[in-house]
C-alpha cells in the first residue's frame, strides 16, 4: 500500500471478495432495474449496503474525460456522483488515471487537493469517498464511487470488497448485460443529457469567443458558484434563460 493516511492510492492486490460481491448483487435484483443500467444500479445498491455507505455511483469515463454517471444507488447517490463532473475533479479522476483504488476516509483533510469537489460533497454531509477503477489491465471503462460519512475506517476487507464490486461492474460493462442475463442494453439514454451540456458549451464558446475547453471551464465555475448541477445550467443556457455574456465574463 502506498500509504496509510487519507487519499492514499492502493498499489497492491486486495483480498478477493468477488464471489460474495456477485452474490450480493444478484440478491439486490429489482424487477424495475432491467438491462445494463439496472444491473449497475444493483452494484451500487449492494456496495452501499455491504460497506455501510450512504450511497454509490458508477462513472463512465474515456480518454476525453468524464462521460457521465451511468448508475447510482438512488437519487442522492446520483447527485453526489454529478459533483465530480461539475467540479471537473475528485478521487474518481485519480482512480481513472492511475487505474488504482483511491481511498479518502476523511475528505475534509483532502480539501486542498480537490477544492471544488470537496466543497460540493462536504456541503452535502459526505466526507468519505472510496473510488475503484473499472478496468482490465490498462484498458479502463469508468470508476465505482462509494460515499459515506467522514472519518470512517477503511480496512483491508473494505478495500477488497470495493475492488470486488468494481470487478463485477467491469464484467457487466464488458458483457453489455445485467446479471440476470438480459440482452445487451446501451447506456446512451442514461448519458443523453451530455449532449445538452455539449450544446450549451458550444453556445458559450460562441457568445464569449473563447475556446471549447475554456467554455466548459467557465460553465463549471458558474455552476459551482451558483450551487446548481452543470446539466441544469446547460438547459438554462439552451432555453435562453441564462445569457453567458451576463455571468461568464
C-alpha atoms as a PDB file:
ATOM      1  CA  UNK A   1       0.000   0.000   0.000  1.00  0.00           C
ATOM      2  CA  UNK A   2       1.309   3.454  -0.909  1.00  0.00           C
ATOM      3  CA  UNK A   3       0.415   4.885   2.473  1.00  0.00           C
ATOM      4  CA  UNK A   4      -1.871   4.691   5.460  1.00  0.00           C
ATOM      5  CA  UNK A   5      -3.203   8.243   5.504  1.00  0.00           C
ATOM      6  CA  UNK A   6      -6.186   9.732   3.733  1.00  0.00           C
ATOM      7  CA  UNK A   7      -6.333   9.950  -0.002  1.00  0.00           C
ATOM      8  CA  UNK A   8      -3.937   7.041  -0.486  1.00  0.00           C
ATOM      9  CA  UNK A   9      -3.619   5.107  -3.695  1.00  0.00           C
ATOM     10  CA  UNK A  10      -3.637   1.358  -3.125  1.00  0.00           C
ATOM     11  CA  UNK A  11      -0.887  -0.368  -5.096  1.00  0.00           C
ATOM     12  CA  UNK A  12      -1.334  -3.989  -4.048  1.00  0.00           C
ATOM     13  CA  UNK A  13      -3.914  -6.634  -4.846  1.00  0.00           C
ATOM     14  CA  UNK A  14      -6.583  -6.523  -2.091  1.00  0.00           C
ATOM     15  CA  UNK A  15      -8.325  -9.577  -0.634  1.00  0.00           C
ATOM     16  CA  UNK A  16     -10.650 -11.197  -3.144  1.00  0.00           C
ATOM     17  CA  UNK A  17     -14.350 -10.980  -2.299  1.00  0.00           C
ATOM     18  CA  UNK A  18     -15.608 -11.433  -5.848  1.00  0.00           C
ATOM     19  CA  UNK A  19     -17.914 -14.392  -5.186  1.00  0.00           C
ATOM     20  CA  UNK A  20     -19.544 -12.611  -2.255  1.00  0.00           C
ATOM     21  CA  UNK A  21     -19.909  -9.365  -4.206  1.00  0.00           C
ATOM     22  CA  UNK A  22     -21.520 -11.170  -7.136  1.00  0.00           C
ATOM     23  CA  UNK A  23     -23.968 -12.940  -4.822  1.00  0.00           C
ATOM     24  CA  UNK A  24     -24.893  -9.667  -3.113  1.00  0.00           C
ATOM     25  CA  UNK A  25     -25.539  -8.007  -6.479  1.00  0.00           C
ATOM     26  CA  UNK A  26     -27.739 -10.948  -7.515  1.00  0.00           C
ATOM     27  CA  UNK A  27     -29.725 -10.693  -4.280  1.00  0.00           C
ATOM     28  CA  UNK A  28     -30.245  -6.951  -4.802  1.00  0.00           C
ATOM     29  CA  UNK A  29     -32.183  -7.663  -8.004  1.00  0.00           C
ATOM     30  CA  UNK A  30     -35.257  -5.497  -8.514  1.00  0.00           C
ATOM     31  CA  UNK A  31     -37.831  -6.040 -11.247  1.00  0.00           C
ATOM     32  CA  UNK A  32     -37.734  -2.306 -12.014  1.00  0.00           C
ATOM     33  CA  UNK A  33     -33.982  -2.415 -12.639  1.00  0.00           C
ATOM     34  CA  UNK A  34     -33.556  -4.036 -16.028  1.00  0.00           C
ATOM     35  CA  UNK A  35     -30.763  -4.244 -18.564  1.00  0.00           C
ATOM     36  CA  UNK A  36     -27.233  -2.989 -18.111  1.00  0.00           C
ATOM     37  CA  UNK A  37     -28.226   0.258 -16.430  1.00  0.00           C
ATOM     38  CA  UNK A  38     -30.360  -1.599 -13.908  1.00  0.00           C
ATOM     39  CA  UNK A  39     -27.598  -4.127 -13.248  1.00  0.00           C
ATOM     40  CA  UNK A  40     -25.118  -1.354 -12.496  1.00  0.00           C
ATOM     41  CA  UNK A  41     -27.705   0.253 -10.208  1.00  0.00           C
ATOM     42  CA  UNK A  42     -27.776  -3.041  -8.304  1.00  0.00           C
ATOM     43  CA  UNK A  43     -23.999  -2.953  -7.910  1.00  0.00           C
ATOM     44  CA  UNK A  44     -24.339   0.497  -6.363  1.00  0.00           C
ATOM     45  CA  UNK A  45     -27.119  -0.679  -4.053  1.00  0.00           C
ATOM     46  CA  UNK A  46     -25.161  -3.754  -2.969  1.00  0.00           C
ATOM     47  CA  UNK A  47     -21.858  -1.977  -2.296  1.00  0.00           C
ATOM     48  CA  UNK A  48     -23.713   0.695  -0.314  1.00  0.00           C
ATOM     49  CA  UNK A  49     -25.283  -1.922   1.961  1.00  0.00           C
ATOM     50  CA  UNK A  50     -22.205  -4.129   2.308  1.00  0.00           C
ATOM     51  CA  UNK A  51     -19.795  -1.310   3.195  1.00  0.00           C
ATOM     52  CA  UNK A  52     -22.362   0.637   5.249  1.00  0.00           C
ATOM     53  CA  UNK A  53     -22.106   3.662   2.975  1.00  0.00           C
ATOM     54  CA  UNK A  54     -24.566   6.439   2.281  1.00  0.00           C
ATOM     55  CA  UNK A  55     -24.634   5.770  -1.450  1.00  0.00           C
ATOM     56  CA  UNK A  56     -22.643   4.865  -4.558  1.00  0.00           C
ATOM     57  CA  UNK A  57     -22.383   5.734  -8.241  1.00  0.00           C
ATOM     58  CA  UNK A  58     -20.790   4.366 -11.414  1.00  0.00           C
ATOM     59  CA  UNK A  59     -18.993   6.887 -13.622  1.00  0.00           C
ATOM     60  CA  UNK A  60     -18.294   6.167 -17.277  1.00  0.00           C
ATOM     61  CA  UNK A  61     -15.013   7.709 -18.447  1.00  0.00           C
ATOM     62  CA  UNK A  62     -12.806   7.628 -21.525  1.00  0.00           C
ATOM     63  CA  UNK A  63      -9.715   9.340 -22.896  1.00  0.00           C
ATOM     64  CA  UNK A  64     -11.767  12.521 -23.338  1.00  0.00           C
ATOM     65  CA  UNK A  65     -12.700  12.597 -19.666  1.00  0.00           C
ATOM     66  CA  UNK A  66     -15.844  12.077 -17.571  1.00  0.00           C
ATOM     67  CA  UNK A  67     -18.752  10.914 -19.737  1.00  0.00           C
ATOM     68  CA  UNK A  68     -21.426  10.776 -17.071  1.00  0.00           C
ATOM     69  CA  UNK A  69     -22.962   8.971 -14.101  1.00  0.00           C
ATOM     70  CA  UNK A  70     -24.310   5.754 -15.599  1.00  0.00           C
ATOM     71  CA  UNK A  71     -25.816   4.275 -12.436  1.00  0.00           C
ATOM     72  CA  UNK A  72     -26.356   5.036  -8.767  1.00  0.00           C
ATOM     73  CA  UNK A  73     -27.849   3.672  -5.575  1.00  0.00           C
ATOM     74  CA  UNK A  74     -30.590   6.298  -5.727  1.00  0.00           C
ATOM     75  CA  UNK A  75     -31.298   9.931  -6.490  1.00  0.00           C
ATOM     76  CA  UNK A  76     -28.908  11.271  -3.870  1.00  0.00           C
ATOM     77  CA  UNK A  77     -26.177   8.865  -4.960  1.00  0.00           C
ATOM     78  CA  UNK A  78     -26.503  10.214  -8.492  1.00  0.00           C
ATOM     79  CA  UNK A  79     -26.346  13.801  -7.212  1.00  0.00           C
ATOM     80  CA  UNK A  80     -23.151  13.033  -5.302  1.00  0.00           C
ATOM     81  CA  UNK A  81     -21.695  11.445  -8.421  1.00  0.00           C
ATOM     82  CA  UNK A  82     -22.548  14.500 -10.521  1.00  0.00           C
ATOM     83  CA  UNK A  83     -20.425  16.702  -8.235  1.00  0.00           C
ATOM     84  CA  UNK A  84     -17.277  15.264  -9.859  1.00  0.00           C
ATOM     85  CA  UNK A  85     -18.453  16.200 -13.360  1.00  0.00           C
ATOM     86  CA  UNK A  86     -19.473  19.699 -12.281  1.00  0.00           C
ATOM     87  CA  UNK A  87     -16.173  20.292 -10.459  1.00  0.00           C
ATOM     88  CA  UNK A  88     -14.010  18.512 -13.037  1.00  0.00           C
ATOM     89  CA  UNK A  89     -12.001  16.875 -10.266  1.00  0.00           C
ATOM     90  CA  UNK A  90     -12.197  14.308  -7.476  1.00  0.00           C
ATOM     91  CA  UNK A  91     -10.983  10.835  -6.452  1.00  0.00           C
ATOM     92  CA  UNK A  92     -12.713   9.229  -9.448  1.00  0.00           C
ATOM     93  CA  UNK A  93     -10.419  11.149 -11.808  1.00  0.00           C
ATOM     94  CA  UNK A  94      -7.346   9.980  -9.881  1.00  0.00           C
ATOM     95  CA  UNK A  95      -8.574   6.377  -9.828  1.00  0.00           C
ATOM     96  CA  UNK A  96      -9.250   6.568 -13.571  1.00  0.00           C
ATOM     97  CA  UNK A  97      -5.811   7.996 -14.313  1.00  0.00           C
ATOM     98  CA  UNK A  98      -3.832   5.567 -12.118  1.00  0.00           C
ATOM     99  CA  UNK A  99      -6.102   2.505 -12.618  1.00  0.00           C
ATOM    100  CA  UNK A 100      -5.809   2.016  -8.842  1.00  0.00           C
ATOM    101  CA  UNK A 101      -8.295   2.464  -5.973  1.00  0.00           C
ATOM    102  CA  UNK A 102      -8.177   5.859  -4.282  1.00  0.00           C
ATOM    103  CA  UNK A 103      -9.479   5.802  -0.719  1.00  0.00           C
ATOM    104  CA  UNK A 104     -10.366   9.018   1.089  1.00  0.00           C
ATOM    105  CA  UNK A 105     -11.624   8.249   4.617  1.00  0.00           C
ATOM    106  CA  UNK A 106     -11.778  11.944   5.540  1.00  0.00           C
ATOM    107  CA  UNK A 107     -12.414  14.285   2.627  1.00  0.00           C
ATOM    108  CA  UNK A 108     -12.084  17.374   4.823  1.00  0.00           C
ATOM    109  CA  UNK A 109      -8.358  16.707   5.226  1.00  0.00           C
ATOM    110  CA  UNK A 110      -8.006  16.478   1.415  1.00  0.00           C
ATOM    111  CA  UNK A 111      -9.942  19.655   0.607  1.00  0.00           C
ATOM    112  CA  UNK A 112      -6.866  21.403  -0.802  1.00  0.00           C
ATOM    113  CA  UNK A 113      -6.344  18.531  -3.236  1.00  0.00           C
ATOM    114  CA  UNK A 114      -9.841  18.795  -4.781  1.00  0.00           C
ATOM    115  CA  UNK A 115     -11.224  22.143  -3.508  1.00  0.00           C
ATOM    116  CA  UNK A 116     -14.335  22.403  -5.668  1.00  0.00           C
ATOM    117  CA  UNK A 117     -15.194  18.724  -5.316  1.00  0.00           C
ATOM    118  CA  UNK A 118     -14.586  18.675  -1.554  1.00  0.00           C
ATOM    119  CA  UNK A 119     -16.720  21.764  -1.035  1.00  0.00           C
ATOM    120  CA  UNK A 120     -19.559  20.271  -3.049  1.00  0.00           C
ATOM    121  CA  UNK A 121     -19.661  16.985  -1.140  1.00  0.00           C
ATOM    122  CA  UNK A 122     -18.861  18.278   2.337  1.00  0.00           C
ATOM    123  CA  UNK A 123     -21.806  20.640   1.915  1.00  0.00           C
ATOM    124  CA  UNK A 124     -23.959  17.556   1.335  1.00  0.00           C
ATOM    125  CA  UNK A 125     -22.722  15.838   4.539  1.00  0.00           C
ATOM    126  CA  UNK A 126     -20.455  13.441   2.634  1.00  0.00           C
ATOM    127  CA  UNK A 127     -16.922  13.243   3.995  1.00  0.00           C
ATOM    128  CA  UNK A 128     -15.663   9.843   2.825  1.00  0.00           C
ATOM    129  CA  UNK A 129     -15.146   8.773  -0.788  1.00  0.00           C
ATOM    130  CA  UNK A 130     -13.930   5.371  -1.962  1.00  0.00           C
ATOM    131  CA  UNK A 131     -13.114   5.167  -5.677  1.00  0.00           C
ATOM    132  CA  UNK A 132     -12.230   1.967  -7.558  1.00  0.00           C
ATOM    133  CA  UNK A 133     -11.476   1.865 -11.296  1.00  0.00           C
ATOM    134  CA  UNK A 134     -13.490  -0.273 -13.692  1.00  0.00           C
ATOM    135  CA  UNK A 135     -10.652  -1.590 -15.814  1.00  0.00           C
ATOM    136  CA  UNK A 136      -8.923  -4.603 -17.302  1.00  0.00           C
ATOM    137  CA  UNK A 137      -5.209  -4.042 -17.357  1.00  0.00           C
ATOM    138  CA  UNK A 138      -4.519  -0.689 -18.990  1.00  0.00           C
ATOM    139  CA  UNK A 139      -7.993  -0.523 -20.533  1.00  0.00           C
ATOM    140  CA  UNK A 140     -10.429   1.490 -18.440  1.00  0.00           C
ATOM    141  CA  UNK A 141     -14.185   1.994 -18.617  1.00  0.00           C
ATOM    142  CA  UNK A 142     -15.007   4.092 -15.591  1.00  0.00           C
ATOM    143  CA  UNK A 143     -14.981   4.253 -11.800  1.00  0.00           C
ATOM    144  CA  UNK A 144     -17.152   2.957  -8.956  1.00  0.00           C
ATOM    145  CA  UNK A 145     -17.540   5.584  -6.226  1.00  0.00           C
ATOM    146  CA  UNK A 146     -18.801   4.941  -2.703  1.00  0.00           C
ATOM    147  CA  UNK A 147     -19.853   7.815  -0.416  1.00  0.00           C
ATOM    148  CA  UNK A 148     -20.113   7.870   3.363  1.00  0.00           C
ATOM    149  CA  UNK A 149     -19.746   9.979   6.490  1.00  0.00           C
ATOM    150  CA  UNK A 150     -16.372  11.449   7.385  1.00  0.00           C
ATOM    151  CA  UNK A 151     -13.555   9.764   9.271  1.00  0.00           C
ATOM    152  CA  UNK A 152     -14.814   6.236   8.674  1.00  0.00           C
ATOM    153  CA  UNK A 153     -12.436   3.297   8.889  1.00  0.00           C
ATOM    154  CA  UNK A 154     -11.290   1.742   5.604  1.00  0.00           C
ATOM    155  CA  UNK A 155      -9.647  -1.593   6.400  1.00  0.00           C
ATOM    156  CA  UNK A 156      -8.258  -4.314   4.130  1.00  0.00           C
ATOM    157  CA  UNK A 157     -11.594  -6.126   3.972  1.00  0.00           C
ATOM    158  CA  UNK A 158     -13.436  -2.986   2.907  1.00  0.00           C
ATOM    159  CA  UNK A 159     -10.803  -2.288   0.234  1.00  0.00           C
ATOM    160  CA  UNK A 160     -11.119  -5.838  -1.005  1.00  0.00           C
ATOM    161  CA  UNK A 161     -14.898  -5.706  -1.236  1.00  0.00           C
ATOM    162  CA  UNK A 162     -14.846  -2.334  -3.010  1.00  0.00           C
ATOM    163  CA  UNK A 163     -12.481  -3.763  -5.616  1.00  0.00           C
ATOM    164  CA  UNK A 164     -14.593  -6.909  -5.918  1.00  0.00           C
ATOM    165  CA  UNK A 165     -17.738  -4.880  -6.647  1.00  0.00           C
ATOM    166  CA  UNK A 166     -15.743  -2.916  -9.216  1.00  0.00           C
ATOM    167  CA  UNK A 167     -14.811  -6.205 -10.901  1.00  0.00           C
ATOM    168  CA  UNK A 168     -18.473  -7.198 -11.071  1.00  0.00           C
ATOM    169  CA  UNK A 169     -19.380  -3.835 -12.638  1.00  0.00           C
ATOM    170  CA  UNK A 170     -16.496  -4.133 -15.119  1.00  0.00           C
ATOM    171  CA  UNK A 171     -17.700  -7.553 -16.252  1.00  0.00           C
ATOM    172  CA  UNK A 172     -21.186  -6.147 -16.773  1.00  0.00           C
ATOM    173  CA  UNK A 173     -19.814  -3.393 -18.987  1.00  0.00           C
ATOM    174  CA  UNK A 174     -17.747  -5.898 -20.964  1.00  0.00           C
ATOM    175  CA  UNK A 175     -20.738  -8.212 -21.391  1.00  0.00           C
ATOM    176  CA  UNK A 176     -23.155  -5.376 -22.100  1.00  0.00           C
ATOM    177  CA  UNK A 177     -25.790  -7.082 -19.976  1.00  0.00           C
ATOM    178  CA  UNK A 178     -27.132  -7.405 -16.466  1.00  0.00           C
ATOM    179  CA  UNK A 179     -26.543 -10.277 -14.065  1.00  0.00           C
ATOM    180  CA  UNK A 180     -29.991 -11.630 -14.948  1.00  0.00           C
ATOM    181  CA  UNK A 181     -28.838 -12.444 -18.487  1.00  0.00           C
ATOM    182  CA  UNK A 182     -30.984  -9.807 -20.178  1.00  0.00           C
ATOM    183  CA  UNK A 183     -29.883  -8.720 -23.629  1.00  0.00           C
ATOM    184  CA  UNK A 184     -27.310  -6.045 -24.308  1.00  0.00           C
ATOM    185  CA  UNK A 185     -28.565  -2.590 -23.433  1.00  0.00           C
ATOM    186  CA  UNK A 186     -26.758   0.590 -24.409  1.00  0.00           C
ATOM    187  CA  UNK A 187     -26.375   3.286 -21.777  1.00  0.00           C
ATOM    188  CA  UNK A 188     -26.963   6.064 -24.297  1.00  0.00           C
ATOM    189  CA  UNK A 189     -30.295   7.017 -22.716  1.00  0.00           C
ATOM    190  CA  UNK A 190     -28.566   7.448 -19.367  1.00  0.00           C
ATOM    191  CA  UNK A 191     -25.985   9.749 -20.924  1.00  0.00           C
ATOM    192  CA  UNK A 192     -28.205  11.677 -23.329  1.00  0.00           C
ATOM    193  CA  UNK A 193     -28.005  14.759 -21.166  1.00  0.00           C
ATOM    194  CA  UNK A 194     -24.305  15.062 -22.043  1.00  0.00           C
ATOM    195  CA  UNK A 195     -25.486  16.172 -25.486  1.00  0.00           C
ATOM    196  CA  UNK A 196     -27.247  19.110 -23.843  1.00  0.00           C
ATOM    197  CA  UNK A 197     -24.078  20.050 -21.975  1.00  0.00           C
ATOM    198  CA  UNK A 198     -22.036  19.930 -25.171  1.00  0.00           C
ATOM    199  CA  UNK A 199     -24.664  22.028 -26.960  1.00  0.00           C
ATOM    200  CA  UNK A 200     -24.571  24.672 -24.234  1.00  0.00           C
ATOM    201  CA  UNK A 201     -20.779  24.523 -24.244  1.00  0.00           C
ATOM    202  CA  UNK A 202     -20.798  25.464 -27.928  1.00  0.00           C
ATOM    203  CA  UNK A 203     -23.210  28.326 -27.299  1.00  0.00           C
ATOM    204  CA  UNK A 204     -20.991  29.693 -24.526  1.00  0.00           C
ATOM    205  CA  UNK A 205     -17.950  29.380 -26.785  1.00  0.00           C
ATOM    206  CA  UNK A 206     -19.640  31.475 -29.480  1.00  0.00           C
ATOM    207  CA  UNK A 207     -21.102  34.032 -27.057  1.00  0.00           C
ATOM    208  CA  UNK A 208     -17.807  34.673 -25.284  1.00  0.00           C
ATOM    209  CA  UNK A 209     -15.480  33.967 -28.220  1.00  0.00           C
ATOM    210  CA  UNK A 210     -13.375  31.531 -26.195  1.00  0.00           C
ATOM    211  CA  UNK A 211     -12.166  28.002 -26.883  1.00  0.00           C
ATOM    212  CA  UNK A 212     -14.396  24.983 -26.352  1.00  0.00           C
ATOM    213  CA  UNK A 213     -12.259  23.923 -23.381  1.00  0.00           C
ATOM    214  CA  UNK A 214     -12.460  27.383 -21.817  1.00  0.00           C
ATOM    215  CA  UNK A 215     -16.240  27.469 -22.253  1.00  0.00           C
ATOM    216  CA  UNK A 216     -16.619  24.296 -20.187  1.00  0.00           C
ATOM    217  CA  UNK A 217     -14.283  25.678 -17.515  1.00  0.00           C
ATOM    218  CA  UNK A 218     -16.439  28.793 -17.248  1.00  0.00           C
ATOM    219  CA  UNK A 219     -19.652  26.786 -17.154  1.00  0.00           C
ATOM    220  CA  UNK A 220     -18.273  24.653 -14.346  1.00  0.00           C
ATOM    221  CA  UNK A 221     -17.156  27.730 -12.420  1.00  0.00           C
ATOM    222  CA  UNK A 222     -20.593  29.320 -12.671  1.00  0.00           C
ATOM    223  CA  UNK A 223     -22.407  26.095 -11.786  1.00  0.00           C
ATOM    224  CA  UNK A 224     -20.171  25.708  -8.733  1.00  0.00           C
ATOM    225  CA  UNK A 225     -20.657  29.326  -7.644  1.00  0.00           C
ATOM    226  CA  UNK A 226     -24.432  29.081  -8.092  1.00  0.00           C
ATOM    227  CA  UNK A 227     -24.543  25.607  -6.463  1.00  0.00           C
ATOM    228  CA  UNK A 228     -26.519  24.120  -9.343  1.00  0.00           C
ATOM    229  CA  UNK A 229     -25.864  20.955 -11.381  1.00  0.00           C
ATOM    230  CA  UNK A 230     -23.994  21.530 -14.626  1.00  0.00           C
ATOM    231  CA  UNK A 231     -26.867  19.939 -16.543  1.00  0.00           C
ATOM    232  CA  UNK A 232     -29.392  22.420 -15.089  1.00  0.00           C
ATOM    233  CA  UNK A 233     -27.160  25.313 -16.091  1.00  0.00           C
ATOM    234  CA  UNK A 234     -26.748  23.903 -19.602  1.00  0.00           C
ATOM    235  CA  UNK A 235     -30.523  23.633 -20.022  1.00  0.00           C
ATOM    236  CA  UNK A 236     -30.938  27.235 -18.919  1.00  0.00           C
ATOM    237  CA  UNK A 237     -28.380  28.368 -21.499  1.00  0.00           C
ATOM    238  CA  UNK A 238     -30.057  26.386 -24.290  1.00  0.00           C
ATOM    239  CA  UNK A 239     -33.510  27.706 -23.354  1.00  0.00           C
ATOM    240  CA  UNK A 240     -32.260  31.284 -23.256  1.00  0.00           C
ATOM    241  CA  UNK A 241     -32.926  31.694 -19.547  1.00  0.00           C
ATOM    242  CA  UNK A 242     -29.222  32.356 -18.949  1.00  0.00           C
ATOM    243  CA  UNK A 243     -27.115  34.655 -21.115  1.00  0.00           C
ATOM    244  CA  UNK A 244     -23.418  33.672 -20.908  1.00  0.00           C
ATOM    245  CA  UNK A 245     -22.401  37.247 -21.585  1.00  0.00           C
ATOM    246  CA  UNK A 246     -24.011  38.333 -18.318  1.00  0.00           C
ATOM    247  CA  UNK A 247     -22.459  35.826 -15.945  1.00  0.00           C
ATOM    248  CA  UNK A 248     -19.419  34.307 -17.646  1.00  0.00           C
ATOM    249  CA  UNK A 249     -17.285  37.382 -18.167  1.00  0.00           C
END
